[in-house]
Every structure is written in C-alpha cells, then in structure tokens.
C-alpha atoms as a PDB file:
ATOM      1  CA  MET A   1      67.432 -89.248 -84.865  1.00  0.00           C
ATOM      2  CA  GLN A   2      70.198 -86.983 -85.379  1.00  0.00           C
ATOM      3  CA  MET A   3      72.724 -88.309 -87.908  1.00  0.00           C
ATOM      4  CA  THR A   4      76.131 -88.164 -85.869  1.00  0.00           C
ATOM      5  CA  THR A   5      79.831 -89.079 -86.541  1.00  0.00           C
ATOM      6  CA  ASN A   6      80.165 -92.830 -85.840  1.00  0.00           C
ATOM      7  CA  VAL A   7      83.174 -93.825 -87.957  1.00  0.00           C
ATOM      8  CA  GLY A   8      86.816 -93.025 -87.121  1.00  0.00           C
ATOM      9  CA  THR A   9      89.830 -92.538 -89.441  1.00  0.00           C
ATOM     10  CA  VAL A  10      91.125 -96.000 -89.870  1.00  0.00           C
ATOM     11  CA  ASP A  11      87.359 -97.489 -90.218  1.00  0.00           C
ATOM     12  CA  ARG A  12      86.808 -94.940 -92.983  1.00  0.00           C
ATOM     13  CA  ILE A  13      90.324 -95.939 -94.828  1.00  0.00           C
ATOM     14  CA  LEU A  14      89.016 -99.524 -94.894  1.00  0.00           C
ATOM     15  CA  ARG A  15      85.888 -98.923 -95.966  1.00  0.00           C
ATOM     16  CA  ILE A  16      87.294 -96.718 -98.957  1.00  0.00           C
ATOM     17  CA  VAL A  17      89.543 -99.377 -99.571  1.00  0.00           C
ATOM     18  CA  LEU A  18      86.790-102.260 -99.729  1.00  0.00           C
ATOM     19  CA  GLY A  19      84.071-100.256-101.289  1.00  0.00           C
ATOM     20  CA  ALA A  20      86.545 -99.333-104.206  1.00  0.00           C
ATOM     21  CA  ALA A  21      87.813-102.661-104.546  1.00  0.00           C
ATOM     22  CA  LEU A  22      84.252-104.190-104.835  1.00  0.00           C
ATOM     23  CA  ILE A  23      83.163-101.515-107.302  1.00  0.00           C
ATOM     24  CA  LEU A  24      86.503-101.963-109.435  1.00  0.00           C
ATOM     25  CA  LEU A  25      85.697-105.573-109.470  1.00  0.00           C
ATOM     26  CA  ALA A  26      82.142-105.122-110.656  1.00  0.00           C
ATOM     27  CA  VAL A  27      83.182-103.038-113.537  1.00  0.00           C
ATOM     28  CA  THR A  28      85.532-105.426-114.658  1.00  0.00           C
ATOM     29  CA  GLY A  29      83.064-108.059-114.576  1.00  0.00           C
ATOM     30  CA  THR A  30      85.073-110.134-112.273  1.00  0.00           C
ATOM     31  CA  ILE A  31      82.573-110.614-109.497  1.00  0.00           C
ATOM     32  CA  GLY A  32      79.324-109.356-111.615  1.00  0.00           C
ATOM     33  CA  VAL A  33      76.642-106.978-110.256  1.00  0.00           C
ATOM     34  CA  TRP A  34      77.309-107.497-106.679  1.00  0.00           C
ATOM     35  CA  GLY A  35      80.209-106.167-106.401  1.00  0.00           C
ATOM     36  CA  TRP A  36      77.930-102.679-106.614  1.00  0.00           C
ATOM     37  CA  ILE A  37      77.370-103.063-103.064  1.00  0.00           C
ATOM     38  CA  GLY A  38      80.880-101.464-102.441  1.00  0.00           C
ATOM     39  CA  VAL A  39      78.720 -98.306-103.048  1.00  0.00           C
ATOM     40  CA  ILE A  40      77.260 -98.590 -99.557  1.00  0.00           C
ATOM     41  CA  PRO A  41      80.766 -98.588 -97.561  1.00  0.00           C
ATOM     42  CA  LEU A  42      82.202 -96.072 -99.810  1.00  0.00           C
ATOM     43  CA  GLY A  43      79.121 -93.991 -98.981  1.00  0.00           C
ATOM     44  CA  THR A  44      79.290 -94.274 -95.169  1.00  0.00           C
ATOM     45  CA  ALA A  45      83.035 -93.042 -95.585  1.00  0.00           C
ATOM     46  CA  PHE A  46      82.349 -90.023 -96.849  1.00  0.00           C
ATOM     47  CA  VAL A  47      79.405 -88.894 -94.630  1.00  0.00           C
ATOM     48  CA  LYS A  48      81.359 -90.363 -91.648  1.00  0.00           C
ATOM     49  CA  PHE A  49      77.848 -92.142 -90.687  1.00  0.00           C
ATOM     50  CA  CYS A  50      76.846 -95.683 -90.247  1.00  0.00           C
ATOM     51  CA  PRO A  51      73.296 -96.468 -89.719  1.00  0.00           C
ATOM     52  CA  ILE A  52      73.855 -99.935 -88.523  1.00  0.00           C
ATOM     53  CA  TYR A  53      76.740 -98.661 -86.263  1.00  0.00           C
ATOM     54  CA  SER A  54      74.280 -96.025 -84.555  1.00  0.00           C
ATOM     55  CA  ILE A  55      71.341 -98.879 -83.970  1.00  0.00           C
ATOM     56  CA  LEU A  56      74.309-101.192 -82.531  1.00  0.00           C
ATOM     57  CA  GLY A  57      75.587 -97.933 -80.453  1.00  0.00           C
ATOM     58  CA  ILE A  58      79.069 -98.510 -81.973  1.00  0.00           C
ATOM     59  CA  LYS A  59      81.369 -95.563 -82.603  1.00  0.00           C
ATOM     60  CA  THR A  60      85.248 -96.122 -83.879  1.00  0.00           C
ATOM     61  CA  CYS A  61      86.225 -92.511 -83.829  1.00  0.00           C
ATOM     62  CA  LYS A  62      88.120 -91.225 -80.821  1.00  0.00           C
ATOM     63  CA  GLU A  63      86.995 -87.320 -81.419  1.00  0.00           C
ATOM     64  CA  CYS A  64      83.051 -88.329 -81.325  1.00  0.00           C
END
C-alpha cells in the first residue's frame, strides 16, 4: 500500500490543535498519561496521511 495524501488543510489544522492540546494537558498533569495520545493526530497532520482514512476510503483534501 502506497502512502498518499488524504488529510486536507482544515483537517490538518484541527489535528494539530487537538494533538497539541492533549499533549499540553498531559504535560501539565491535567488529564494524565492518556493525553500523550495527542501524538497520533499531531503525527498524521504532519505527514498528511491517516491510515484509518485510507481503510475507510476518506479524503479530506481537495488537491488529492
């Protein structure tokens, strides 16, 4: 399976905000260790690819 872009700009921004917020909450101890799950949306935003979207056939980008 080839990794192609399937995450659009708005989706990326939301993933970055959500991921950063979860990590920040984990660092401050507000939500505990589970906040580190924010690494996943942050990572998928930076590589512009979501494996779950690929399985479900979803694309949120207009240019791909």
